PDB file of N, CA and C in Angstrom:
ATOM      1  N   MET A   1     -13.091   4.165   3.119  1.00  0.00           N
ATOM      2  CA  MET A   1     -12.109   3.712   4.186  1.00  0.00           C
ATOM      3  C   MET A   1     -10.817   4.279   3.717  1.00  0.00           C
ATOM      4  N   ALA A   2     -10.372   4.261   2.399  1.00  0.00           N
ATOM      5  CA  ALA A   2      -9.051   4.644   2.061  1.00  0.00           C
ATOM      6  C   ALA A   2      -8.859   6.420   2.258  1.00  0.00           C
ATOM      7  N   ARG A   3      -9.996   7.054   2.127  1.00  0.00           N
ATOM      8  CA  ARG A   3      -9.977   8.356   2.174  1.00  0.00           C
ATOM      9  C   ARG A   3      -9.886   8.663   3.728  1.00  0.00           C
ATOM     10  N   MET A   4     -10.350   8.017   4.634  1.00  0.00           N
ATOM     11  CA  MET A   4     -10.273   8.223   5.950  1.00  0.00           C
ATOM     12  C   MET A   4      -8.877   7.868   6.472  1.00  0.00           C
ATOM     13  N   TYR A   5      -8.269   6.895   5.896  1.00  0.00           N
ATOM     14  CA  TYR A   5      -6.916   6.605   6.386  1.00  0.00           C
ATOM     15  C   TYR A   5      -5.893   7.719   5.878  1.00  0.00           C
ATOM     16  N   LEU A   6      -6.155   8.163   4.733  1.00  0.00           N
ATOM     17  CA  LEU A   6      -5.109   9.132   4.169  1.00  0.00           C
ATOM     18  C   LEU A   6      -5.416  10.528   5.059  1.00  0.00           C
ATOM     19  N   LYS A   7      -6.659  10.898   5.524  1.00  0.00           N
ATOM     20  CA  LYS A   7      -6.684  11.954   6.322  1.00  0.00           C
ATOM     21  C   LYS A   7      -6.009  11.814   7.691  1.00  0.00           C
ATOM     22  N   LEU A   8      -5.653  10.722   8.228  1.00  0.00           N
ATOM     23  CA  LEU A   8      -5.062  10.565   9.334  1.00  0.00           C
ATOM     24  C   LEU A   8      -3.534  11.020   9.292  1.00  0.00           C
ATOM     25  N   GLY A   9      -2.883  10.961   8.039  1.00  0.00           N
ATOM     26  CA  GLY A   9      -1.581  11.600   7.776  1.00  0.00           C
ATOM     27  C   GLY A   9      -0.444  10.676   8.376  1.00  0.00           C
ATOM     28  N   VAL A  10      -0.756   9.429   8.470  1.00  0.00           N
ATOM     29  CA  VAL A  10       0.381   8.554   9.104  1.00  0.00           C
ATOM     30  C   VAL A  10       0.502   7.313   8.044  1.00  0.00           C
ATOM     31  N   THR A  11       1.717   6.757   7.972  1.00  0.00           N
ATOM     32  CA  THR A  11       1.934   5.574   6.925  1.00  0.00           C
ATOM     33  C   THR A  11       1.822   4.245   7.821  1.00  0.00           C
ATOM     34  N   HIS A  12       1.549   3.307   7.029  1.00  0.00           N
ATOM     35  CA  HIS A  12       1.620   1.975   7.784  1.00  0.00           C
ATOM     36  C   HIS A  12       2.829   1.643   8.428  1.00  0.00           C
ATOM     37  N   GLU A  13       3.853   2.061   7.620  1.00  0.00           N
ATOM     38  CA  GLU A  13       5.303   1.627   8.308  1.00  0.00           C
ATOM     39  C   GLU A  13       5.545   2.404   9.542  1.00  0.00           C
ATOM     40  N   GLU A  14       5.112   3.723   9.620  1.00  0.00           N
ATOM     41  CA  GLU A  14       5.155   4.569  10.770  1.00  0.00           C
ATOM     42  C   GLU A  14       4.385   3.963  11.972  1.00  0.00           C
ATOM     43  N   LEU A  15       3.315   3.326  11.769  1.00  0.00           N
ATOM     44  CA  LEU A  15       2.318   2.729  12.723  1.00  0.00           C
ATOM     45  C   LEU A  15       3.074   1.640  13.290  1.00  0.00           C
ATOM     46  N   ARG A  16       3.490   0.803  12.471  1.00  0.00           N
ATOM     47  CA  ARG A  16       4.197  -0.423  12.862  1.00  0.00           C
ATOM     48  C   ARG A  16       5.417  -0.274  13.688  1.00  0.00           C
ATOM     49  N   ALA A  17       6.011   1.060  13.541  1.00  0.00           N
ATOM     50  CA  ALA A  17       7.255   1.308  14.270  1.00  0.00           C
ATOM     51  C   ALA A  17       6.921   2.110  15.550  1.00  0.00           C
ATOM     52  N   TYR A  18       5.625   2.380  15.922  1.00  0.00           N
ATOM     53  CA  TYR A  18       5.267   2.902  17.094  1.00  0.00           C
ATOM     54  C   TYR A  18       5.445   2.127  18.325  1.00  0.00           C
ATOM     55  N   THR A  19       5.789   2.685  19.465  1.00  0.00           N
ATOM     56  CA  THR A  19       5.972   1.928  20.613  1.00  0.00           C
ATOM     57  C   THR A  19       4.420   1.665  21.295  1.00  0.00           C
ATOM     58  N   PHE A  20       4.237   1.047  22.190  1.00  0.00           N
ATOM     59  CA  PHE A  20       2.973   0.729  22.850  1.00  0.00           C
ATOM     60  C   PHE A  20       2.367   1.916  23.150  1.00  0.00           C
ATOM     61  N   GLU A  21       3.045   2.853  23.932  1.00  0.00           N
ATOM     62  CA  GLU A  21       2.616   4.161  24.445  1.00  0.00           C
ATOM     63  C   GLU A  21       2.053   4.947  23.257  1.00  0.00           C
ATOM     64  N   GLN A  22       3.072   5.197  22.079  1.00  0.00           N
ATOM     65  CA  GLN A  22       2.706   5.923  20.986  1.00  0.00           C
ATOM     66  C   GLN A  22       1.333   5.415  20.440  1.00  0.00           C
ATOM     67  N   LYS A  23       1.278   4.138  20.350  1.00  0.00           N
ATOM     68  CA  LYS A  23      -0.003   3.537  19.530  1.00  0.00           C
ATOM     69  C   LYS A  23      -1.127   3.960  20.526  1.00  0.00           C
ATOM     70  N   LEU A  24      -1.198   3.918  21.750  1.00  0.00           N
ATOM     71  CA  LEU A  24      -2.315   4.267  22.578  1.00  0.00           C
ATOM     72  C   LEU A  24      -2.591   5.773  22.445  1.00  0.00           C
ATOM     73  N   GLU A  25      -1.489   6.623  22.558  1.00  0.00           N
ATOM     74  CA  GLU A  25      -1.655   7.945  22.317  1.00  0.00           C
ATOM     75  C   GLU A  25      -2.404   8.336  20.876  1.00  0.00           C
ATOM     76  N   PHE A  26      -2.002   7.506  19.823  1.00  0.00           N
ATOM     77  CA  PHE A  26      -2.550   7.804  18.498  1.00  0.00           C
ATOM     78  C   PHE A  26      -4.098   7.276  18.620  1.00  0.00           C
ATOM     79  N   MET A  27      -4.359   6.233  19.287  1.00  0.00           N
ATOM     80  CA  MET A  27      -5.773   5.809  19.502  1.00  0.00           C
ATOM     81  C   MET A  27      -6.571   6.736  20.124  1.00  0.00           C
ATOM     82  N   VAL A  28      -6.068   7.350  21.252  1.00  0.00           N
ATOM     83  CA  VAL A  28      -6.743   8.373  22.026  1.00  0.00           C
ATOM     84  C   VAL A  28      -7.254   9.541  21.102  1.00  0.00           C
ATOM     85  N   LYS A  29      -6.235   9.940  20.261  1.00  0.00           N
ATOM     86  CA  LYS A  29      -6.468  10.970  19.305  1.00  0.00           C
ATOM     87  C   LYS A  29      -7.287  10.792  18.218  1.00  0.00           C
ATOM     88  N   HIS A  30      -7.377   9.522  17.540  1.00  0.00           N
ATOM     89  CA  HIS A  30      -8.002   9.055  16.421  1.00  0.00           C
ATOM     90  C   HIS A  30      -9.054   7.896  16.651  1.00  0.00           C
ATOM     91  N   THR A  31      -9.622   7.763  17.683  1.00  0.00           N
ATOM     92  CA  THR A  31     -10.354   6.516  18.169  1.00  0.00           C
ATOM     93  C   THR A  31     -11.619   6.447  17.237  1.00  0.00           C
ATOM     94  N   ARG A  32     -12.273   7.739  17.020  1.00  0.00           N
ATOM     95  CA  ARG A  32     -13.541   7.612  16.213  1.00  0.00           C
ATOM     96  C   ARG A  32     -13.142   7.241  14.847  1.00  0.00           C
ATOM     97  N   THR A  33     -12.376   7.806  14.038  1.00  0.00           N
ATOM     98  CA  THR A  33     -11.929   7.353  12.802  1.00  0.00           C
ATOM     99  C   THR A  33     -11.489   5.980  12.618  1.00  0.00           C
ATOM    100  N   VAL A  34     -10.557   5.605  13.492  1.00  0.00           N
ATOM    101  CA  VAL A  34     -10.130   4.162  13.466  1.00  0.00           C
ATOM    102  C   VAL A  34     -11.256   3.058  13.780  1.00  0.00           C
ATOM    103  N   SER A  35     -12.291   3.393  14.548  1.00  0.00           N
ATOM    104  CA  SER A  35     -13.355   2.487  14.972  1.00  0.00           C
ATOM    105  C   SER A  35     -14.360   2.522  13.707  1.00  0.00           C
ATOM    106  N   ARG A  36     -14.313   3.721  13.026  1.00  0.00           N
ATOM    107  CA  ARG A  36     -15.270   3.645  11.778  1.00  0.00           C
ATOM    108  C   ARG A  36     -14.637   3.021  10.645  1.00  0.00           C
ATOM    109  N   MET A  37     -13.256   2.882  10.469  1.00  0.00           N
ATOM    110  CA  MET A  37     -12.701   2.153   9.563  1.00  0.00           C
ATOM    111  C   MET A  37     -12.762   0.738   9.839  1.00  0.00           C
ATOM    112  N   VAL A  38     -12.750   0.404  11.052  1.00  0.00           N
ATOM    113  CA  VAL A  38     -12.860  -1.062  11.518  1.00  0.00           C
ATOM    114  C   VAL A  38     -14.242  -1.523  11.249  1.00  0.00           C
ATOM    115  N   ALA A  39     -15.282  -0.674  11.506  1.00  0.00           N
ATOM    116  CA  ALA A  39     -16.475  -1.033  11.163  1.00  0.00           C
ATOM    117  C   ALA A  39     -16.882  -1.205   9.825  1.00  0.00           C
ATOM    118  N   TYR A  40     -16.356  -0.447   8.878  1.00  0.00           N
ATOM    119  CA  TYR A  40     -16.193  -0.594   7.489  1.00  0.00           C
ATOM    120  C   TYR A  40     -15.834  -1.964   7.075  1.00  0.00           C
ATOM    121  N   ALA A  41     -14.735  -2.374   7.711  1.00  0.00           N
ATOM    122  CA  ALA A  41     -14.173  -3.713   7.432  1.00  0.00           C
ATOM    123  C   ALA A  41     -15.017  -4.825   7.772  1.00  0.00           C
ATOM    124  N   ILE A  42     -15.763  -4.627   8.825  1.00  0.00           N
ATOM    125  CA  ILE A  42     -16.726  -5.832   9.387  1.00  0.00           C
ATOM    126  C   ILE A  42     -17.956  -5.702   8.519  1.00  0.00           C
ATOM    127  N   VAL A  43     -18.614  -4.425   8.493  1.00  0.00           N
ATOM    128  CA  VAL A  43     -19.939  -4.564   7.828  1.00  0.00           C
ATOM    129  C   VAL A  43     -19.556  -4.064   6.226  1.00  0.00           C
ATOM    130  N   ARG A  44     -19.554  -4.928   5.313  1.00  0.00           N
ATOM    131  CA  ARG A  44     -19.111  -4.758   4.023  1.00  0.00           C
ATOM    132  C   ARG A  44     -20.111  -4.125   3.093  1.00  0.00           C
ATOM    133  N   GLY A  45     -21.447  -4.528   3.160  1.00  0.00           N
ATOM    134  CA  GLY A  45     -22.471  -4.166   2.082  1.00  0.00           C
ATOM    135  C   GLY A  45     -22.520  -2.680   1.700  1.00  0.00           C
ATOM    136  N   ARG A  46     -22.807  -2.247   0.650  1.00  0.00           N
ATOM    137  CA  ARG A  46     -22.840  -0.950   0.113  1.00  0.00           C
ATOM    138  C   ARG A  46     -23.866  -0.119   1.074  1.00  0.00           C
ATOM    139  N   VAL A  47     -25.123  -0.607   1.200  1.00  0.00           N
ATOM    140  CA  VAL A  47     -26.317  -0.137   1.952  1.00  0.00           C
ATOM    141  C   VAL A  47     -26.135  -0.396   3.413  1.00  0.00           C
ATOM    142  N   SER A  48     -25.862  -1.683   3.834  1.00  0.00           N
ATOM    143  CA  SER A  48     -25.669  -2.036   5.203  1.00  0.00           C
ATOM    144  C   SER A  48     -24.365  -1.440   5.692  1.00  0.00           C
ATOM    145  N   GLY A  49     -23.369  -1.113   4.949  1.00  0.00           N
ATOM    146  CA  GLY A  49     -22.184  -0.479   5.494  1.00  0.00           C
ATOM    147  C   GLY A  49     -22.512   1.096   5.841  1.00  0.00           C
ATOM    148  N   ARG A  50     -23.198   1.506   5.072  1.00  0.00           N
ATOM    149  CA  ARG A  50     -23.572   3.096   5.372  1.00  0.00           C
ATOM    150  C   ARG A  50     -24.606   3.032   6.506  1.00  0.00           C
ATOM    151  N   LEU A  51     -25.559   2.150   6.851  1.00  0.00           N
ATOM    152  CA  LEU A  51     -26.604   2.240   7.755  1.00  0.00           C
ATOM    153  C   LEU A  51     -26.044   1.776   9.080  1.00  0.00           C
ATOM    154  N   LEU A  52     -25.244   0.713   8.999  1.00  0.00           N
ATOM    155  CA  LEU A  52     -24.558   0.168  10.207  1.00  0.00           C
ATOM    156  C   LEU A  52     -23.314   0.674  10.883  1.00  0.00           C
ATOM    157  N   ASN A  53     -22.616   1.399   9.834  1.00  0.00           N
ATOM    158  CA  ASN A  53     -21.170   1.767  10.229  1.00  0.00           C
ATOM    159  C   ASN A  53     -21.210   2.536  11.571  1.00  0.00           C
ATOM    160  N   ARG A  54     -21.865   3.542  11.802  1.00  0.00           N
ATOM    161  CA  ARG A  54     -21.735   4.298  13.034  1.00  0.00           C
ATOM    162  C   ARG A  54     -22.127   3.586  14.351  1.00  0.00           C
ATOM    163  N   PRO A  55     -23.260   2.741  14.299  1.00  0.00           N
ATOM    164  CA  PRO A  55     -23.607   1.923  15.385  1.00  0.00           C
ATOM    165  C   PRO A  55     -22.465   0.866  15.677  1.00  0.00           C
ATOM    166  N   VAL A  56     -21.968   0.283  14.704  1.00  0.00           N
ATOM    167  CA  VAL A  56     -21.125  -0.754  14.899  1.00  0.00           C
ATOM    168  C   VAL A  56     -19.669  -0.151  15.404  1.00  0.00           C
ATOM    169  N   ALA A  57     -19.247   0.891  14.847  1.00  0.00           N
ATOM    170  CA  ALA A  57     -18.015   1.796  15.440  1.00  0.00           C
ATOM    171  C   ALA A  57     -18.371   2.138  16.934  1.00  0.00           C
ATOM    172  N   TRP A  58     -19.451   2.624  17.215  1.00  0.00           N
ATOM    173  CA  TRP A  58     -19.876   2.861  18.646  1.00  0.00           C
ATOM    174  C   TRP A  58     -19.473   1.827  19.538  1.00  0.00           C
ATOM    175  N   MET A  59     -20.145   0.592  19.140  1.00  0.00           N
ATOM    176  CA  MET A  59     -20.008  -0.759  19.768  1.00  0.00           C
ATOM    177  C   MET A  59     -18.563  -1.195  20.122  1.00  0.00           C
ATOM    178  N   LEU A  60     -17.751  -0.924  18.955  1.00  0.00           N
ATOM    179  CA  LEU A  60     -16.301  -1.110  18.966  1.00  0.00           C
ATOM    180  C   LEU A  60     -15.628  -0.273  20.001  1.00  0.00           C
ATOM    181  N   ARG A  61     -15.917   0.908  19.907  1.00  0.00           N
ATOM    182  CA  ARG A  61     -15.285   1.959  20.951  1.00  0.00           C
ATOM    183  C   ARG A  61     -15.683   1.656  22.342  1.00  0.00           C
ATOM    184  N   SER A  62     -17.027   1.285  22.529  1.00  0.00           N
ATOM    185  CA  SER A  62     -17.332   1.037  24.009  1.00  0.00           C
ATOM    186  C   SER A  62     -16.971  -0.347  24.324  1.00  0.00           C
ATOM    187  N   CYS A  63     -16.745  -1.336  23.618  1.00  0.00           N
ATOM    188  CA  CYS A  63     -16.597  -2.713  24.100  1.00  0.00           C
ATOM    189  C   CYS A  63     -15.130  -3.233  23.943  1.00  0.00           C
ATOM    190  N   MET A  64     -14.366  -2.480  23.200  1.00  0.00           N
ATOM    191  CA  MET A  64     -12.888  -3.017  22.986  1.00  0.00           C
ATOM    192  C   MET A  64     -11.931  -2.183  23.694  1.00  0.00           C
ATOM    193  N   HIS A  65     -10.750  -2.775  24.079  1.00  0.00           N
ATOM    194  CA  HIS A  65      -9.677  -2.026  24.673  1.00  0.00           C
ATOM    195  C   HIS A  65      -9.168  -1.365  23.380  1.00  0.00           C
ATOM    196  N   PRO A  66      -8.500  -0.015  23.599  1.00  0.00           N
ATOM    197  CA  PRO A  66      -7.904   0.584  22.495  1.00  0.00           C
ATOM    198  C   PRO A  66      -6.785  -0.199  21.868  1.00  0.00           C
ATOM    199  N   SER A  67      -5.836  -0.846  22.542  1.00  0.00           N
ATOM    200  CA  SER A  67      -4.848  -1.604  21.812  1.00  0.00           C
ATOM    201  C   SER A  67      -5.504  -2.762  21.031  1.00  0.00           C
ATOM    202  N   ALA A  68      -6.618  -3.479  21.454  1.00  0.00           N
ATOM    203  CA  ALA A  68      -7.197  -4.420  20.652  1.00  0.00           C
ATOM    204  C   ALA A  68      -7.922  -3.799  19.343  1.00  0.00           C
ATOM    205  N   LEU A  69      -8.496  -2.529  19.484  1.00  0.00           N
ATOM    206  CA  LEU A  69      -9.114  -1.901  18.369  1.00  0.00           C
ATOM    207  C   LEU A  69      -7.951  -1.587  17.369  1.00  0.00           C
ATOM    208  N   GLU A  70      -6.838  -1.183  17.869  1.00  0.00           N
ATOM    209  CA  GLU A  70      -5.658  -0.860  17.035  1.00  0.00           C
ATOM    210  C   GLU A  70      -5.205  -2.081  16.264  1.00  0.00           C
ATOM    211  N   ASP A  71      -5.184  -3.216  16.923  1.00  0.00           N
ATOM    212  CA  ASP A  71      -4.806  -4.332  16.291  1.00  0.00           C
ATOM    213  C   ASP A  71      -5.870  -4.744  15.126  1.00  0.00           C
ATOM    214  N   ALA A  72      -7.045  -4.779  15.577  1.00  0.00           N
ATOM    215  CA  ALA A  72      -8.097  -4.867  14.359  1.00  0.00           C
ATOM    216  C   ALA A  72      -7.995  -3.903  13.371  1.00  0.00           C
ATOM    217  N   TRP A  73      -7.685  -2.794  13.511  1.00  0.00           N
ATOM    218  CA  TRP A  73      -7.409  -1.690  12.435  1.00  0.00           C
ATOM    219  C   TRP A  73      -6.166  -2.134  11.743  1.00  0.00           C
ATOM    220  N   MET A  74      -5.120  -2.454  12.177  1.00  0.00           N
ATOM    221  CA  MET A  74      -3.941  -2.933  11.499  1.00  0.00           C
ATOM    222  C   MET A  74      -4.215  -4.219  10.548  1.00  0.00           C
ATOM    223  N   ILE A  75      -5.095  -5.051  11.096  1.00  0.00           N
ATOM    224  CA  ILE A  75      -5.620  -6.180  10.198  1.00  0.00           C
ATOM    225  C   ILE A  75      -6.438  -5.616   9.088  1.00  0.00           C
ATOM    226  N   ALA A  76      -7.208  -4.662   9.319  1.00  0.00           N
ATOM    227  CA  ALA A  76      -8.179  -4.107   8.279  1.00  0.00           C
ATOM    228  C   ALA A  76      -7.129  -3.588   7.328  1.00  0.00           C
ATOM    229  N   LEU A  77      -6.228  -2.838   7.772  1.00  0.00           N
ATOM    230  CA  LEU A  77      -5.338  -2.049   6.764  1.00  0.00           C
ATOM    231  C   LEU A  77      -4.562  -3.044   5.797  1.00  0.00           C
ATOM    232  N   SER A  78      -4.156  -4.175   6.365  1.00  0.00           N
ATOM    233  CA  SER A  78      -3.374  -5.124   5.638  1.00  0.00           C
ATOM    234  C   SER A  78      -4.308  -5.713   4.505  1.00  0.00           C
ATOM    235  N   THR A  79      -5.520  -5.772   4.829  1.00  0.00           N
ATOM    236  CA  THR A  79      -6.527  -6.373   3.775  1.00  0.00           C
ATOM    237  C   THR A  79      -6.603  -5.316   2.641  1.00  0.00           C
ATOM    238  N   MET A  80      -6.351  -4.104   2.852  1.00  0.00           N
ATOM    239  CA  MET A  80      -6.383  -3.044   1.755  1.00  0.00           C
ATOM    240  C   MET A  80      -5.232  -3.211   0.791  1.00  0.00           C
ATOM    241  N   SER A  81      -4.344  -3.928   1.024  1.00  0.00           N
ATOM    242  CA  SER A  81      -3.140  -4.028   0.212  1.00  0.00           C
ATOM    243  C   SER A  81      -3.494  -4.453  -1.117  1.00  0.00           C
ATOM    244  N   THR A  82      -2.752  -3.846  -2.113  1.00  0.00           N
ATOM    245  CA  THR A  82      -2.987  -4.352  -3.561  1.00  0.00           C
ATOM    246  C   THR A  82      -1.908  -5.276  -4.118  1.00  0.00           C
ATOM    247  N   ILE A  83      -1.057  -5.637  -3.252  1.00  0.00           N
ATOM    248  CA  ILE A  83       0.238  -6.652  -3.511  1.00  0.00           C
ATOM    249  C   ILE A  83      -0.215  -7.843  -4.291  1.00  0.00           C
ATOM    250  N   PRO A  84      -1.199  -8.589  -3.726  1.00  0.00           N
ATOM    251  CA  PRO A  84      -1.675  -9.750  -4.425  1.00  0.00           C
ATOM    252  C   PRO A  84      -1.949  -9.562  -5.857  1.00  0.00           C
ATOM    253  N   PHE A  85      -2.714  -8.513  -6.146  1.00  0.00           N
ATOM    254  CA  PHE A  85      -3.183  -8.210  -7.560  1.00  0.00           C
ATOM    255  C   PHE A  85      -1.786  -7.985  -8.294  1.00  0.00           C
ATOM    256  N   GLY A  86      -0.681  -7.370  -7.793  1.00  0.00           N
ATOM    257  CA  GLY A  86       0.444  -7.149  -8.427  1.00  0.00           C
ATOM    258  C   GLY A  86       1.125  -8.594  -8.892  1.00  0.00           C
ATOM    259  N   ASN A  87       0.929  -9.592  -8.068  1.00  0.00           N
ATOM    260  CA  ASN A  87       1.496 -10.814  -8.351  1.00  0.00           C
ATOM    261  C   ASN A  87       0.866 -11.427  -9.475  1.00  0.00           C
ATOM    262  N   ILE A  88      -0.623 -11.313  -9.506  1.00  0.00           N
ATOM    263  CA  ILE A  88      -1.518 -11.879 -10.574  1.00  0.00           C
ATOM    264  C   ILE A  88      -1.102 -11.255 -11.826  1.00  0.00           C
ATOM    265  N   ILE A  89      -0.822 -10.026 -11.860  1.00  0.00           N
ATOM    266  CA  ILE A  89      -0.565  -9.253 -12.956  1.00  0.00           C
ATOM    267  C   ILE A  89       0.908  -9.643 -13.612  1.00  0.00           C
ATOM    268  N   ARG A  90       1.881  -9.798 -12.640  1.00  0.00           N
ATOM    269  CA  ARG A  90       3.073 -10.214 -13.148  1.00  0.00           C
ATOM    270  C   ARG A  90       2.993 -11.642 -13.708  1.00  0.00           C
ATOM    271  N   LEU A  91       2.270 -12.482 -13.172  1.00  0.00           N
ATOM    272  CA  LEU A  91       1.957 -13.724 -13.692  1.00  0.00           C
ATOM    273  C   LEU A  91       1.337 -13.882 -15.064  1.00  0.00           C
ATOM    274  N   ALA A  92       0.332 -13.099 -15.165  1.00  0.00           N
ATOM    275  CA  ALA A  92      -0.180 -12.961 -16.476  1.00  0.00           C
ATOM    276  C   ALA A  92       0.609 -12.410 -17.628  1.00  0.00           C
ATOM    277  N   GLU A  93       1.609 -11.402 -17.184  1.00  0.00           N
ATOM    278  CA  GLU A  93       2.545 -10.943 -18.176  1.00  0.00           C
ATOM    279  C   GLU A  93       3.475 -11.910 -18.609  1.00  0.00           C
ATOM    280  N   VAL A  94       3.930 -12.839 -17.810  1.00  0.00           N
ATOM    281  CA  VAL A  94       4.976 -13.937 -18.086  1.00  0.00           C
ATOM    282  C   VAL A  94       4.161 -15.243 -18.834  1.00  0.00           C
ATOM    283  N   MET A  95       2.940 -15.470 -18.769  1.00  0.00           N
ATOM    284  CA  MET A  95       2.147 -16.475 -19.398  1.00  0.00           C
ATOM    285  C   MET A  95       2.194 -16.207 -20.866  1.00  0.00           C
ATOM    286  N   SER A  96       2.219 -16.996 -21.697  1.00  0.00           N
ATOM    287  CA  SER A  96       2.014 -16.869 -23.037  1.00  0.00           C
ATOM    288  C   SER A  96       0.616 -17.425 -23.429  1.00  0.00           C
ATOM    289  N   LEU A  97      -0.436 -16.844 -23.484  1.00  0.00           N
ATOM    290  CA  LEU A  97      -1.596 -17.438 -23.853  1.00  0.00           C
ATOM    291  C   LEU A  97      -1.941 -18.151 -25.172  1.00  0.00           C
ATOM    292  N   THR A  98      -1.028 -17.868 -26.214  1.00  0.00           N
ATOM    293  CA  THR A  98      -1.206 -18.479 -27.400  1.00  0.00           C
ATOM    294  C   THR A  98      -0.334 -19.684 -27.404  1.00  0.00           C
ATOM    295  N   ALA A  99       0.500 -19.869 -26.611  1.00  0.00           N
ATOM    296  CA  ALA A  99       1.420 -21.135 -26.665  1.00  0.00           C
ATOM    297  C   ALA A  99       0.559 -22.387 -26.184  1.00  0.00           C
ATOM    298  N   PRO A 100       0.750 -23.436 -26.893  1.00  0.00           N
ATOM    299  CA  PRO A 100      -0.034 -24.680 -26.383  1.00  0.00           C
ATOM    300  C   PRO A 100       0.378 -25.091 -25.070  1.00  0.00           C
ATOM    301  N   ASN A 101      -0.514 -25.598 -24.215  1.00  0.00           N
ATOM    302  CA  ASN A 101      -0.202 -25.953 -22.968  1.00  0.00           C
ATOM    303  C   ASN A 101       0.241 -27.552 -23.049  1.00  0.00           C
ATOM    304  N   LEU A 102       0.655 -27.985 -21.937  1.00  0.00           N
ATOM    305  CA  LEU A 102       1.284 -29.561 -22.016  1.00  0.00           C
ATOM    306  C   LEU A 102       0.320 -30.445 -22.568  1.00  0.00           C
ATOM    307  N   SER A 103      -0.919 -30.468 -22.172  1.00  0.00           N
ATOM    308  CA  SER A 103      -1.921 -31.554 -22.761  1.00  0.00           C
ATOM    309  C   SER A 103      -1.937 -31.388 -24.255  1.00  0.00           C
ATOM    310  N   GLN A 104      -2.030 -30.096 -24.829  1.00  0.00           N
ATOM    311  CA  GLN A 104      -2.132 -30.076 -26.221  1.00  0.00           C
ATOM    312  C   GLN A 104      -0.867 -30.499 -26.954  1.00  0.00           C
ATOM    313  N   ARG A 105       0.397 -30.285 -26.376  1.00  0.00           N
ATOM    314  CA  ARG A 105       1.481 -30.699 -27.074  1.00  0.00           C
ATOM    315  C   ARG A 105       1.634 -32.363 -27.038  1.00  0.00           C
ATOM    316  N   LYS A 106       0.967 -32.896 -25.963  1.00  0.00           N
ATOM    317  CA  LYS A 106       1.006 -34.377 -25.914  1.00  0.00           C
ATOM    318  C   LYS A 106       0.073 -35.035 -26.914  1.00  0.00           C
ATOM    319  N   GLN A 107      -0.948 -34.465 -27.213  1.00  0.00           N
ATOM    320  CA  GLN A 107      -1.924 -34.843 -28.152  1.00  0.00           C
ATOM    321  C   GLN A 107      -1.377 -34.735 -29.542  1.00  0.00           C
ATOM    322  N   ASN A 108      -0.903 -33.537 -29.726  1.00  0.00           N
ATOM    323  CA  ASN A 108      -0.272 -33.324 -31.240  1.00  0.00           C
ATOM    324  C   ASN A 108       1.039 -34.176 -31.509  1.00  0.00           C
ATOM    325  N   GLY A 109       1.872 -34.705 -30.462  1.00  0.00           N
ATOM    326  CA  GLY A 109       2.993 -35.279 -30.643  1.00  0.00           C
ATOM    327  C   GLY A 109       2.698 -36.796 -30.938  1.00  0.00           C
ATOM    328  N   SER A 110       1.602 -37.257 -30.617  1.00  0.00           N
ATOM    329  CA  SER A 110       1.255 -38.752 -30.872  1.00  0.00           C
ATOM    330  C   SER A 110       0.908 -39.241 -32.184  1.00  0.00           C
TER     331      SER A 110
END
């Protein structure tokens, strides 16, 4: 999915700044790729993702309005973000794992 996104040559910020007409033009040009990316987001399994990706992508293209497909794609892109992991890493750096926690201090102080 990340490889497909990078091949499009557009950033998430650029997509968010597009007007409605620009988004529709983008979707007309890249409908197949976008629908396959949304299908990968829907069908997550390693084997089932490979087997069902193209039929699900076809169903999305034939049943969804291009602007709704673009909205689903933007949601799928936002789930690819690594920002929550950055927060966890910063929290782990701040925590001192060797320092006693509150319950251990209370028991030792009694």
